[in-house]
Amino acid sequence: MNEILEALKRIEAVLDTLVNHRQPREWYDTEAAAEFLSRSTYTVRKHCCHGRILAEKRPCGRGKSKEWMISHGELLRIQAEGLRPASRPARPR
């Protein structure tokens, strides 16, 4: 029984190391950024459109459409400082 407990402790230590030392990506799409920020993908896209998140539009391989890409530095800034004030007003419905 002690051998099993020791093996579990070693496995937990390795998993902890892997999780804590995961390399961040340089750029995130809206889905990955939403997961990083604990927000919905829709919300992240809207914040990008209104300038509250600094992001770039890049081709995504789906025809002429482009997707928002957000830098890792911007995600860290959002976590530390919050969203920027809206630079583009919302369109009336």
PDB file of N, CA and C in Angstrom:
ATOM      1  N   MET A   1       0.812  -1.196   0.000  1.00  0.00           N
ATOM      2  CA  MET A   1       0.000   0.000   0.000  1.00  0.00           C
ATOM      3  C   MET A   1       0.862   1.269   0.000  1.00  0.00           C
ATOM      4  N   ASN A   2       1.931   1.261   0.780  1.00  0.00           N
ATOM      5  CA  ASN A   2       2.828   2.413   0.822  1.00  0.00           C
ATOM      6  C   ASN A   2       3.461   2.681  -0.532  1.00  0.00           C
ATOM      7  N   GLU A   3       3.760   1.603  -1.275  1.00  0.00           N
ATOM      8  CA  GLU A   3       4.358   1.767  -2.600  1.00  0.00           C
ATOM      9  C   GLU A   3       3.393   2.499  -3.533  1.00  0.00           C
ATOM     10  N   ILE A   4       2.129   2.181  -3.436  1.00  0.00           N
ATOM     11  CA  ILE A   4       1.113   2.822  -4.286  1.00  0.00           C
ATOM     12  C   ILE A   4       0.995   4.304  -3.928  1.00  0.00           C
ATOM     13  N   LEU A   5       0.972   4.605  -2.640  1.00  0.00           N
ATOM     14  CA  LEU A   5       0.890   5.997  -2.209  1.00  0.00           C
ATOM     15  C   LEU A   5       2.113   6.795  -2.667  1.00  0.00           C
ATOM     16  N   GLU A   6       3.292   6.210  -2.585  1.00  0.00           N
ATOM     17  CA  GLU A   6       4.504   6.891  -3.036  1.00  0.00           C
ATOM     18  C   GLU A   6       4.461   7.117  -4.546  1.00  0.00           C
ATOM     19  N   ALA A   7       3.979   6.128  -5.288  1.00  0.00           N
ATOM     20  CA  ALA A   7       3.872   6.270  -6.743  1.00  0.00           C
ATOM     21  C   ALA A   7       2.891   7.388  -7.087  1.00  0.00           C
ATOM     22  N   LEU A   8       1.776   7.471  -6.382  1.00  0.00           N
ATOM     23  CA  LEU A   8       0.797   8.536  -6.609  1.00  0.00           C
ATOM     24  C   LEU A   8       1.395   9.907  -6.313  1.00  0.00           C
ATOM     25  N   LYS A   9       2.177  10.007  -5.270  1.00  0.00           N
ATOM     26  CA  LYS A   9       2.826  11.277  -4.932  1.00  0.00           C
ATOM     27  C   LYS A   9       3.786  11.697  -6.033  1.00  0.00           C
ATOM     28  N   ARG A  10       4.552  10.735  -6.590  1.00  0.00           N
ATOM     29  CA  ARG A  10       5.468  11.055  -7.680  1.00  0.00           C
ATOM     30  C   ARG A  10       4.699  11.505  -8.919  1.00  0.00           C
ATOM     31  N   ILE A  11       3.593  10.835  -9.214  1.00  0.00           N
ATOM     32  CA  ILE A  11       2.766  11.207 -10.372  1.00  0.00           C
ATOM     33  C   ILE A  11       2.202  12.606 -10.179  1.00  0.00           C
ATOM     34  N   GLU A  12       1.706  12.905  -8.990  1.00  0.00           N
ATOM     35  CA  GLU A  12       1.171  14.242  -8.710  1.00  0.00           C
ATOM     36  C   GLU A  12       2.253  15.306  -8.848  1.00  0.00           C
ATOM     37  N   ALA A  13       3.454  15.017  -8.408  1.00  0.00           N
ATOM     38  CA  ALA A  13       4.558  15.978  -8.521  1.00  0.00           C
ATOM     39  C   ALA A  13       4.894  16.248  -9.985  1.00  0.00           C
ATOM     40  N   VAL A  14       4.913  15.209 -10.809  1.00  0.00           N
ATOM     41  CA  VAL A  14       5.202  15.388 -12.232  1.00  0.00           C
ATOM     42  C   VAL A  14       4.086  16.188 -12.893  1.00  0.00           C
ATOM     43  N   LEU A  15       2.832  15.876 -12.597  1.00  0.00           N
ATOM     44  CA  LEU A  15       1.703  16.610 -13.168  1.00  0.00           C
ATOM     45  C   LEU A  15       1.744  18.077 -12.755  1.00  0.00           C
ATOM     46  N   ASP A  16       2.050  18.331 -11.511  1.00  0.00           N
ATOM     47  CA  ASP A  16       2.146  19.708 -11.026  1.00  0.00           C
ATOM     48  C   ASP A  16       3.234  20.467 -11.783  1.00  0.00           C
ATOM     49  N   THR A  17       4.358  19.836 -12.009  1.00  0.00           N
ATOM     50  CA  THR A  17       5.448  20.453 -12.758  1.00  0.00           C
ATOM     51  C   THR A  17       5.009  20.765 -14.186  1.00  0.00           C
ATOM     52  N   LEU A  18       4.336  19.818 -14.828  1.00  0.00           N
ATOM     53  CA  LEU A  18       3.885  20.031 -16.200  1.00  0.00           C
ATOM     54  C   LEU A  18       2.884  21.174 -16.298  1.00  0.00           C
ATOM     55  N   VAL A  19       1.950  21.233 -15.378  1.00  0.00           N
ATOM     56  CA  VAL A  19       0.918  22.267 -15.411  1.00  0.00           C
ATOM     57  C   VAL A  19       1.520  23.642 -15.134  1.00  0.00           C
ATOM     58  N   ASN A  20       2.385  23.737 -14.168  1.00  0.00           N
ATOM     59  CA  ASN A  20       2.950  25.032 -13.780  1.00  0.00           C
ATOM     60  C   ASN A  20       4.023  25.547 -14.726  1.00  0.00           C
ATOM     61  N   HIS A  21       4.601  24.697 -15.538  1.00  0.00           N
ATOM     62  CA  HIS A  21       5.672  25.124 -16.431  1.00  0.00           C
ATOM     63  C   HIS A  21       5.249  25.106 -17.896  1.00  0.00           C
ATOM     64  N   ARG A  22       3.973  25.126 -18.155  1.00  0.00           N
ATOM     65  CA  ARG A  22       3.479  25.143 -19.529  1.00  0.00           C
ATOM     66  C   ARG A  22       3.862  26.468 -20.183  1.00  0.00           C
ATOM     67  N   GLN A  23       4.422  26.408 -21.357  1.00  0.00           N
ATOM     68  CA  GLN A  23       4.860  27.600 -22.062  1.00  0.00           C
ATOM     69  C   GLN A  23       3.663  28.343 -22.645  1.00  0.00           C
ATOM     70  N   PRO A  24       3.574  29.628 -22.404  1.00  0.00           N
ATOM     71  CA  PRO A  24       2.470  30.394 -23.001  1.00  0.00           C
ATOM     72  C   PRO A  24       2.689  30.567 -24.498  1.00  0.00           C
ATOM     73  N   ARG A  25       1.587  30.678 -25.214  1.00  0.00           N
ATOM     74  CA  ARG A  25       1.662  30.959 -26.644  1.00  0.00           C
ATOM     75  C   ARG A  25       1.931  32.446 -26.835  1.00  0.00           C
ATOM     76  N   GLU A  26       2.418  32.792 -28.010  1.00  0.00           N
ATOM     77  CA  GLU A  26       2.650  34.207 -28.306  1.00  0.00           C
ATOM     78  C   GLU A  26       1.325  34.897 -28.638  1.00  0.00           C
ATOM     79  N   TRP A  27       0.442  34.213 -29.386  1.00  0.00           N
ATOM     80  CA  TRP A  27      -0.850  34.758 -29.794  1.00  0.00           C
ATOM     81  C   TRP A  27      -1.962  33.756 -29.497  1.00  0.00           C
ATOM     82  N   TYR A  28      -3.145  34.281 -29.155  1.00  0.00           N
ATOM     83  CA  TYR A  28      -4.314  33.456 -28.843  1.00  0.00           C
ATOM     84  C   TYR A  28      -5.479  33.873 -29.729  1.00  0.00           C
ATOM     85  N   ASP A  29      -6.261  32.898 -30.207  1.00  0.00           N
ATOM     86  CA  ASP A  29      -7.506  33.247 -30.898  1.00  0.00           C
ATOM     87  C   ASP A  29      -8.551  33.572 -29.836  1.00  0.00           C
ATOM     88  N   THR A  30      -9.731  33.995 -30.247  1.00  0.00           N
ATOM     89  CA  THR A  30     -10.731  34.432 -29.265  1.00  0.00           C
ATOM     90  C   THR A  30     -11.194  33.293 -28.362  1.00  0.00           C
ATOM     91  N   GLU A  31     -11.222  32.085 -28.889  1.00  0.00           N
ATOM     92  CA  GLU A  31     -11.653  30.954 -28.067  1.00  0.00           C
ATOM     93  C   GLU A  31     -10.652  30.670 -26.944  1.00  0.00           C
ATOM     94  N   ALA A  32      -9.361  30.636 -27.280  1.00  0.00           N
ATOM     95  CA  ALA A  32      -8.332  30.395 -26.266  1.00  0.00           C
ATOM     96  C   ALA A  32      -8.241  31.567 -25.291  1.00  0.00           C
ATOM     97  N   ALA A  33      -8.391  32.786 -25.802  1.00  0.00           N
ATOM     98  CA  ALA A  33      -8.354  33.967 -24.926  1.00  0.00           C
ATOM     99  C   ALA A  33      -9.539  33.955 -23.965  1.00  0.00           C
ATOM    100  N   ALA A  34     -10.701  33.541 -24.460  1.00  0.00           N
ATOM    101  CA  ALA A  34     -11.890  33.469 -23.602  1.00  0.00           C
ATOM    102  C   ALA A  34     -11.674  32.478 -22.462  1.00  0.00           C
ATOM    103  N   GLU A  35     -11.047  31.359 -22.767  1.00  0.00           N
ATOM    104  CA  GLU A  35     -10.762  30.374 -21.723  1.00  0.00           C
ATOM    105  C   GLU A  35      -9.759  30.943 -20.720  1.00  0.00           C
ATOM    106  N   PHE A  36      -8.735  31.623 -21.227  1.00  0.00           N
ATOM    107  CA  PHE A  36      -7.699  32.230 -20.386  1.00  0.00           C
ATOM    108  C   PHE A  36      -8.305  33.265 -19.440  1.00  0.00           C
ATOM    109  N   LEU A  37      -9.287  34.049 -19.944  1.00  0.00           N
ATOM    110  CA  LEU A  37      -9.892  35.134 -19.169  1.00  0.00           C
ATOM    111  C   LEU A  37     -11.175  34.731 -18.447  1.00  0.00           C
ATOM    112  N   SER A  38     -11.599  33.486 -18.626  1.00  0.00           N
ATOM    113  CA  SER A  38     -12.857  32.993 -18.036  1.00  0.00           C
ATOM    114  C   SER A  38     -14.051  33.830 -18.500  1.00  0.00           C
ATOM    115  N   ARG A  39     -14.100  34.079 -19.787  1.00  0.00           N
ATOM    116  CA  ARG A  39     -15.199  34.806 -20.423  1.00  0.00           C
ATOM    117  C   ARG A  39     -15.716  33.976 -21.583  1.00  0.00           C
ATOM    118  N   SER A  40     -16.831  34.382 -22.179  1.00  0.00           N
ATOM    119  CA  SER A  40     -17.327  33.685 -23.364  1.00  0.00           C
ATOM    120  C   SER A  40     -16.590  34.189 -24.599  1.00  0.00           C
ATOM    121  N   THR A  41     -16.560  33.376 -25.626  1.00  0.00           N
ATOM    122  CA  THR A  41     -15.921  33.760 -26.880  1.00  0.00           C
ATOM    123  C   THR A  41     -16.600  34.992 -27.463  1.00  0.00           C
ATOM    124  N   TYR A  42     -17.917  35.029 -27.392  1.00  0.00           N
ATOM    125  CA  TYR A  42     -18.682  36.175 -27.900  1.00  0.00           C
ATOM    126  C   TYR A  42     -18.237  37.466 -27.210  1.00  0.00           C
ATOM    127  N   THR A  43     -18.098  37.422 -25.894  1.00  0.00           N
ATOM    128  CA  THR A  43     -17.697  38.603 -25.127  1.00  0.00           C
ATOM    129  C   THR A  43     -16.309  39.079 -25.540  1.00  0.00           C
ATOM    130  N   VAL A  44     -15.380  38.160 -25.710  1.00  0.00           N
ATOM    131  CA  VAL A  44     -14.025  38.534 -26.114  1.00  0.00           C
ATOM    132  C   VAL A  44     -14.045  39.172 -27.503  1.00  0.00           C
ATOM    133  N   ARG A  45     -14.813  38.596 -28.443  1.00  0.00           N
ATOM    134  CA  ARG A  45     -14.908  39.192 -29.780  1.00  0.00           C
ATOM    135  C   ARG A  45     -15.474  40.603 -29.707  1.00  0.00           C
ATOM    136  N   LYS A  46     -16.522  40.816 -28.913  1.00  0.00           N
ATOM    137  CA  LYS A  46     -17.121  42.146 -28.786  1.00  0.00           C
ATOM    138  C   LYS A  46     -16.133  43.141 -28.182  1.00  0.00           C
ATOM    139  N   HIS A  47     -15.377  42.728 -27.168  1.00  0.00           N
ATOM    140  CA  HIS A  47     -14.373  43.613 -26.572  1.00  0.00           C
ATOM    141  C   HIS A  47     -13.299  43.968 -27.597  1.00  0.00           C
ATOM    142  N   CYS A  48     -12.938  43.036 -28.464  1.00  0.00           N
ATOM    143  CA  CYS A  48     -11.971  43.317 -29.534  1.00  0.00           C
ATOM    144  C   CYS A  48     -12.557  44.339 -30.504  1.00  0.00           C
ATOM    145  N   CYS A  49     -13.808  44.145 -30.890  1.00  0.00           N
ATOM    146  CA  CYS A  49     -14.464  45.063 -31.839  1.00  0.00           C
ATOM    147  C   CYS A  49     -14.553  46.480 -31.294  1.00  0.00           C
ATOM    148  N   HIS A  50     -14.771  46.613 -30.005  1.00  0.00           N
ATOM    149  CA  HIS A  50     -14.952  47.925 -29.384  1.00  0.00           C
ATOM    150  C   HIS A  50     -13.638  48.518 -28.873  1.00  0.00           C
ATOM    151  N   GLY A  51     -12.519  47.815 -29.107  1.00  0.00           N
ATOM    152  CA  GLY A  51     -11.219  48.333 -28.709  1.00  0.00           C
ATOM    153  C   GLY A  51     -10.891  48.164 -27.236  1.00  0.00           C
ATOM    154  N   ARG A  52     -11.691  47.412 -26.514  1.00  0.00           N
ATOM    155  CA  ARG A  52     -11.409  47.212 -25.084  1.00  0.00           C
ATOM    156  C   ARG A  52     -10.307  46.187 -24.867  1.00  0.00           C
ATOM    157  N   ILE A  53     -10.080  45.349 -25.878  1.00  0.00           N
ATOM    158  CA  ILE A  53      -8.956  44.413 -25.914  1.00  0.00           C
ATOM    159  C   ILE A  53      -8.166  44.743 -27.172  1.00  0.00           C
ATOM    160  N   LEU A  54      -6.866  44.977 -27.031  1.00  0.00           N
ATOM    161  CA  LEU A  54      -6.023  45.232 -28.198  1.00  0.00           C
ATOM    162  C   LEU A  54      -5.783  43.909 -28.909  1.00  0.00           C
ATOM    163  N   ALA A  55      -6.224  43.833 -30.152  1.00  0.00           N
ATOM    164  CA  ALA A  55      -6.106  42.599 -30.920  1.00  0.00           C
ATOM    165  C   ALA A  55      -5.877  42.933 -32.384  1.00  0.00           C
ATOM    166  N   GLU A  56      -5.412  41.946 -33.128  1.00  0.00           N
ATOM    167  CA  GLU A  56      -5.177  42.104 -34.559  1.00  0.00           C
ATOM    168  C   GLU A  56      -6.048  41.121 -35.317  1.00  0.00           C
ATOM    169  N   LYS A  57      -6.460  41.532 -36.511  1.00  0.00           N
ATOM    170  CA  LYS A  57      -7.197  40.632 -37.391  1.00  0.00           C
ATOM    171  C   LYS A  57      -6.188  39.915 -38.278  1.00  0.00           C
ATOM    172  N   ARG A  58      -6.276  38.588 -38.323  1.00  0.00           N
ATOM    173  CA  ARG A  58      -5.378  37.797 -39.144  1.00  0.00           C
ATOM    174  C   ARG A  58      -6.186  36.800 -39.964  1.00  0.00           C
ATOM    175  N   PRO A  59      -5.687  36.469 -41.163  1.00  0.00           N
ATOM    176  CA  PRO A  59      -6.383  35.452 -41.962  1.00  0.00           C
ATOM    177  C   PRO A  59      -6.444  34.143 -41.192  1.00  0.00           C
ATOM    178  N   CYS A  60      -7.552  33.441 -41.306  1.00  0.00           N
ATOM    179  CA  CYS A  60      -7.713  32.210 -40.534  1.00  0.00           C
ATOM    180  C   CYS A  60      -7.900  30.972 -41.397  1.00  0.00           C
ATOM    181  N   GLY A  61      -7.766  31.110 -42.724  1.00  0.00           N
ATOM    182  CA  GLY A  61      -7.900  29.949 -43.580  1.00  0.00           C
ATOM    183  C   GLY A  61      -9.328  29.620 -43.942  1.00  0.00           C
ATOM    184  N   ARG A  62     -10.261  30.507 -43.609  1.00  0.00           N
ATOM    185  CA  ARG A  62     -11.672  30.288 -43.922  1.00  0.00           C
ATOM    186  C   ARG A  62     -12.128  31.329 -44.939  1.00  0.00           C
ATOM    187  N   GLY A  63     -11.581  31.249 -46.123  1.00  0.00           N
ATOM    188  CA  GLY A  63     -11.976  32.216 -47.141  1.00  0.00           C
ATOM    189  C   GLY A  63     -11.398  33.583 -46.854  1.00  0.00           C
ATOM    190  N   LYS A  64     -12.199  34.614 -47.085  1.00  0.00           N
ATOM    191  CA  LYS A  64     -11.742  35.991 -46.900  1.00  0.00           C
ATOM    192  C   LYS A  64     -11.897  36.464 -45.455  1.00  0.00           C
ATOM    193  N   SER A  65     -12.563  35.682 -44.625  1.00  0.00           N
ATOM    194  CA  SER A  65     -12.788  36.126 -43.243  1.00  0.00           C
ATOM    195  C   SER A  65     -11.480  36.112 -42.455  1.00  0.00           C
ATOM    196  N   LYS A  66     -11.434  36.952 -41.452  1.00  0.00           N
ATOM    197  CA  LYS A  66     -10.269  37.040 -40.575  1.00  0.00           C
ATOM    198  C   LYS A  66     -10.737  36.867 -39.143  1.00  0.00           C
ATOM    199  N   GLU A  67      -9.839  36.435 -38.283  1.00  0.00           N
ATOM    200  CA  GLU A  67     -10.194  36.269 -36.880  1.00  0.00           C
ATOM    201  C   GLU A  67      -9.304  37.138 -36.006  1.00  0.00           C
ATOM    202  N   TRP A  68      -9.825  37.477 -34.851  1.00  0.00           N
ATOM    203  CA  TRP A  68      -9.076  38.281 -33.900  1.00  0.00           C
ATOM    204  C   TRP A  68      -7.991  37.423 -33.262  1.00  0.00           C
ATOM    205  N   MET A  69      -6.803  37.991 -33.140  1.00  0.00           N
ATOM    206  CA  MET A  69      -5.692  37.341 -32.457  1.00  0.00           C
ATOM    207  C   MET A  69      -5.202  38.300 -31.374  1.00  0.00           C
ATOM    208  N   ILE A  70      -5.019  37.759 -30.170  1.00  0.00           N
ATOM    209  CA  ILE A  70      -4.687  38.573 -28.995  1.00  0.00           C
ATOM    210  C   ILE A  70      -3.344  38.089 -28.447  1.00  0.00           C
ATOM    211  N   SER A  71      -2.447  39.023 -28.177  1.00  0.00           N
ATOM    212  CA  SER A  71      -1.118  38.650 -27.681  1.00  0.00           C
ATOM    213  C   SER A  71      -1.192  38.198 -26.225  1.00  0.00           C
ATOM    214  N   HIS A  72      -0.204  37.393 -25.854  1.00  0.00           N
ATOM    215  CA  HIS A  72      -0.122  36.933 -24.469  1.00  0.00           C
ATOM    216  C   HIS A  72       0.074  38.119 -23.523  1.00  0.00           C
ATOM    217  N   GLY A  73       0.866  39.092 -23.947  1.00  0.00           N
ATOM    218  CA  GLY A  73       1.083  40.282 -23.126  1.00  0.00           C
ATOM    219  C   GLY A  73      -0.204  41.044 -22.863  1.00  0.00           C
ATOM    220  N   GLU A  74      -1.068  41.120 -23.876  1.00  0.00           N
ATOM    221  CA  GLU A  74      -2.351  41.809 -23.692  1.00  0.00           C
ATOM    222  C   GLU A  74      -3.234  41.056 -22.694  1.00  0.00           C
ATOM    223  N   LEU A  75      -3.217  39.735 -22.750  1.00  0.00           N
ATOM    224  CA  LEU A  75      -4.007  38.961 -21.786  1.00  0.00           C
ATOM    225  C   LEU A  75      -3.505  39.174 -20.361  1.00  0.00           C
ATOM    226  N   LEU A  76      -2.196  39.231 -20.203  1.00  0.00           N
ATOM    227  CA  LEU A  76      -1.638  39.498 -18.871  1.00  0.00           C
ATOM    228  C   LEU A  76      -1.994  40.906 -18.403  1.00  0.00           C
ATOM    229  N   ARG A  77      -1.974  41.874 -19.328  1.00  0.00           N
ATOM    230  CA  ARG A  77      -2.347  43.249 -18.981  1.00  0.00           C
ATOM    231  C   ARG A  77      -3.801  43.310 -18.534  1.00  0.00           C
ATOM    232  N   ILE A  78      -4.675  42.596 -19.231  1.00  0.00           N
ATOM    233  CA  ILE A  78      -6.094  42.579 -18.865  1.00  0.00           C
ATOM    234  C   ILE A  78      -6.274  41.993 -17.471  1.00  0.00           C
ATOM    235  N   GLN A  79      -5.557  40.918 -17.174  1.00  0.00           N
ATOM    236  CA  GLN A  79      -5.656  40.322 -15.844  1.00  0.00           C
ATOM    237  C   GLN A  79      -5.196  41.295 -14.764  1.00  0.00           C
ATOM    238  N   ALA A  80      -4.156  42.057 -15.041  1.00  0.00           N
ATOM    239  CA  ALA A  80      -3.608  42.970 -14.040  1.00  0.00           C
ATOM    240  C   ALA A  80      -4.384  44.283 -13.942  1.00  0.00           C
ATOM    241  N   GLU A  81      -4.796  44.847 -15.090  1.00  0.00           N
ATOM    242  CA  GLU A  81      -5.378  46.186 -15.107  1.00  0.00           C
ATOM    243  C   GLU A  81      -6.851  46.230 -15.486  1.00  0.00           C
ATOM    244  N   GLY A  82      -7.346  45.189 -16.103  1.00  0.00           N
ATOM    245  CA  GLY A  82      -8.735  45.193 -16.568  1.00  0.00           C
ATOM    246  C   GLY A  82      -8.826  45.647 -18.013  1.00  0.00           C
ATOM    247  N   LEU A  83     -10.035  45.748 -18.504  1.00  0.00           N
ATOM    248  CA  LEU A  83     -10.278  46.139 -19.889  1.00  0.00           C
ATOM    249  C   LEU A  83     -10.001  47.612 -20.106  1.00  0.00           C
ATOM    250  N   ARG A  84      -9.651  47.962 -21.328  1.00  0.00           N
ATOM    251  CA  ARG A  84      -9.464  49.357 -21.712  1.00  0.00           C
ATOM    252  C   ARG A  84     -10.831  50.003 -21.894  1.00  0.00           C
ATOM    253  N   PRO A  85     -10.920  51.328 -21.825  1.00  0.00           N
ATOM    254  CA  PRO A  85     -12.188  51.989 -22.141  1.00  0.00           C
ATOM    255  C   PRO A  85     -12.513  51.763 -23.616  1.00  0.00           C
ATOM    256  N   ALA A  86     -13.769  51.700 -23.935  1.00  0.00           N
ATOM    257  CA  ALA A  86     -14.184  51.466 -25.320  1.00  0.00           C
ATOM    258  C   ALA A  86     -13.726  52.617 -26.201  1.00  0.00           C
ATOM    259  N   SER A  87     -13.081  52.289 -27.318  1.00  0.00           N
ATOM    260  CA  SER A  87     -12.627  53.331 -28.238  1.00  0.00           C
ATOM    261  C   SER A  87     -13.576  53.479 -29.416  1.00  0.00           C
ATOM    262  N   ARG A  88     -14.396  52.476 -29.625  1.00  0.00           N
ATOM    263  CA  ARG A  88     -15.384  52.530 -30.706  1.00  0.00           C
ATOM    264  C   ARG A  88     -16.769  52.338 -30.090  1.00  0.00           C
ATOM    265  N   PRO A  89     -17.689  53.249 -30.357  1.00  0.00           N
ATOM    266  CA  PRO A  89     -19.015  53.103 -29.762  1.00  0.00           C
ATOM    267  C   PRO A  89     -19.756  51.904 -30.339  1.00  0.00           C
ATOM    268  N   ALA A  90     -20.602  51.335 -29.523  1.00  0.00           N
ATOM    269  CA  ALA A  90     -21.431  50.219 -29.980  1.00  0.00           C
ATOM    270  C   ALA A  90     -22.422  50.732 -31.007  1.00  0.00           C
ATOM    271  N   ARG A  91     -22.681  49.937 -32.039  1.00  0.00           N
ATOM    272  CA  ARG A  91     -23.651  50.334 -33.058  1.00  0.00           C
ATOM    273  C   ARG A  91     -25.065  50.167 -32.501  1.00  0.00           C
ATOM    274  N   PRO A  92     -25.952  51.142 -32.733  1.00  0.00           N
ATOM    275  CA  PRO A  92     -27.330  50.981 -32.267  1.00  0.00           C
ATOM    276  C   PRO A  92     -28.022  49.868 -33.028  1.00  0.00           C
ATOM    277  N   ARG A  93     -28.933  49.209 -32.365  1.00  0.00           N
ATOM    278  CA  ARG A  93     -29.667  48.101 -33.001  1.00  0.00           C
ATOM    279  C   ARG A  93     -30.925  48.576 -33.630  1.00  0.00           C
TER     280      ARG A  93
END
